[in-house]
Amino acid sequence: MKKPILLSLFLLFLTACGMPTHIPDRYSYIEVVDQKEDATLSEIEDIDFILKDSEVVIGLDEATENYPKYNIEQTPAYIVFEYTGYLTDDMILFTYDKEEAVSLLKDKIQDEKEKAE
């Protein structure tokens, strides 16, 4: 009777010791563009390294209908979120400037690569 319990405890401790020491930060974004061809954030090198989720919204009408709380007034628009826990995301960037969104995501990718080393 003691052997199965001891074996179970041993396996439990072994599993706990094998957990990764670094859990990477995850980000998601909403990209609002006039045409699907204009969506470019998914083309950022190594974006999958930090990406939890993404959505491309075509047209300002669809964006204001789907996301009225963000008061999107023009295209292109970029909203970046940081995953902060179970079912919670915090907006960390809202911009109409593509380069600003790309720069932020590239910085986050670089930060995660450095943490993983």
Protein backbone atom coordinates (compact mmCIF):
# COMPACT_ATOMS: atom_id res chain seq x y z
CA MET A 1 0.00 0.00 0.00
CA LYS A 2 2.85 2.41 0.77
CA LYS A 3 4.66 1.76 -2.51
CA PRO A 4 1.90 3.16 -4.78
CA ILE A 5 1.59 6.26 -2.59
CA LEU A 6 5.35 6.81 -2.51
CA LEU A 7 5.57 6.25 -6.26
CA SER A 8 2.76 8.76 -6.83
CA LEU A 9 4.47 11.35 -4.63
CA PHE A 10 7.79 10.78 -6.37
CA LEU A 11 6.21 11.27 -9.80
CA LEU A 12 4.40 14.38 -8.58
CA PHE A 13 7.65 15.94 -7.33
CA LEU A 14 9.46 14.92 -10.50
CA THR A 15 6.79 16.60 -12.62
CA ALA A 16 6.91 19.77 -10.51
CA CYS A 17 10.67 19.98 -10.89
CA GLY A 18 10.38 19.71 -14.66
CA MET A 19 8.19 22.78 -15.05
CA PRO A 20 9.68 25.60 -17.11
CA THR A 21 11.22 28.38 -15.06
CA HIS A 22 10.08 31.10 -17.45
CA ILE A 23 6.53 31.44 -18.69
CA PRO A 24 6.62 33.80 -21.67
CA ASP A 25 4.46 36.91 -21.78
CA ARG A 26 1.66 36.70 -24.32
CA TYR A 27 0.15 39.47 -26.38
CA SER A 28 -2.75 39.83 -28.77
CA TYR A 29 -3.78 42.55 -31.17
CA ILE A 30 -6.64 43.90 -33.21
CA GLU A 31 -5.64 45.39 -36.55
CA VAL A 32 -8.26 47.53 -38.30
CA VAL A 33 -7.57 48.08 -42.00
CA ASP A 34 -9.48 49.05 -45.14
CA GLN A 35 -8.51 45.91 -47.07
CA LYS A 36 -7.21 42.53 -45.97
CA GLU A 37 -4.04 43.08 -48.00
CA ASP A 38 -3.21 46.06 -45.77
CA ALA A 39 -2.89 43.87 -42.65
CA THR A 40 0.81 43.48 -41.89
CA LEU A 41 1.34 42.80 -38.17
CA SER A 42 1.18 39.04 -38.73
CA GLU A 43 4.23 39.37 -40.99
CA ILE A 44 6.50 40.59 -38.17
CA GLU A 45 9.41 38.18 -37.80
CA ASP A 46 8.95 35.77 -34.84
CA ILE A 47 5.53 37.25 -33.91
CA ASP A 48 4.38 33.73 -32.99
CA PHE A 49 6.94 33.79 -30.17
CA ILE A 50 4.69 36.16 -28.17
CA LEU A 51 1.33 35.95 -29.93
CA LYS A 52 -1.68 34.64 -28.03
CA ASP A 53 -4.36 35.83 -30.44
CA SER A 54 -4.91 38.26 -33.27
CA GLU A 55 -7.76 39.67 -35.28
CA VAL A 56 -7.90 41.63 -38.48
CA VAL A 57 -11.01 43.78 -38.87
CA ILE A 58 -11.82 45.01 -42.36
CA GLY A 59 -13.36 48.46 -42.47
CA LEU A 60 -14.20 51.15 -39.97
CA ASP A 61 -17.90 50.21 -39.88
CA GLU A 62 -17.15 46.66 -38.75
CA ALA A 63 -14.62 47.92 -36.20
CA THR A 64 -17.03 50.38 -34.59
CA GLU A 65 -19.77 47.74 -34.58
CA ASN A 66 -17.60 45.00 -33.04
CA TYR A 67 -15.57 47.22 -30.69
CA PRO A 68 -17.63 50.30 -29.77
CA LYS A 69 -15.82 50.84 -26.46
CA TYR A 70 -12.54 51.66 -28.23
CA ASN A 71 -13.99 54.60 -30.21
CA ILE A 72 -12.05 53.75 -33.36
CA GLU A 73 -12.28 56.81 -35.62
CA GLN A 74 -10.07 55.95 -38.59
CA THR A 75 -8.13 53.22 -40.32
CA PRO A 76 -5.61 51.83 -39.93
CA ALA A 77 -5.90 51.34 -36.18
CA TYR A 78 -3.88 49.03 -33.95
CA ILE A 79 -4.79 47.82 -30.47
CA VAL A 80 -2.32 45.65 -28.54
CA PHE A 81 -3.20 43.73 -25.39
CA GLU A 82 -1.07 41.97 -22.81
CA TYR A 83 -2.45 38.72 -21.43
CA THR A 84 -2.49 39.22 -17.66
CA GLY A 85 -4.22 36.11 -16.42
CA TYR A 86 -7.10 33.75 -16.92
CA LEU A 87 -9.42 35.44 -19.43
CA THR A 88 -8.00 38.91 -18.80
CA ASP A 89 -6.14 41.17 -21.18
CA ASP A 90 -4.94 44.71 -20.54
CA MET A 91 -4.72 47.18 -23.41
CA ILE A 92 -1.15 48.45 -23.61
CA LEU A 93 -1.36 50.35 -26.90
CA PHE A 94 -4.00 52.06 -29.02
CA THR A 95 -2.61 53.85 -32.03
CA TYR A 96 -3.27 54.82 -35.62
CA ASP A 97 0.47 54.65 -36.34
CA LYS A 98 1.55 51.33 -37.82
CA GLU A 99 5.23 51.90 -37.04
CA GLU A 100 4.44 52.45 -33.37
CA ALA A 101 2.57 49.12 -33.19
CA VAL A 102 5.31 47.28 -35.08
CA SER A 103 8.00 48.80 -32.87
CA LEU A 104 6.20 47.79 -29.67
CA LEU A 105 5.66 44.21 -30.83
CA LYS A 106 9.27 43.89 -32.00
CA ASP A 107 10.46 45.15 -28.61
CA LYS A 108 8.25 42.59 -26.84
CA ILE A 109 9.61 39.81 -29.07
CA GLN A 110 13.18 40.87 -28.30
CA ASP A 111 12.45 41.02 -24.56
CA GLU A 112 11.04 37.50 -24.59
CA LYS A 113 13.99 36.17 -26.56
CA GLU A 114 16.37 37.65 -23.99
CA LYS A 115 14.38 36.17 -21.09
CA ALA A 116 14.37 32.75 -22.74
CA GLU A 117 18.18 32.66 -23.00
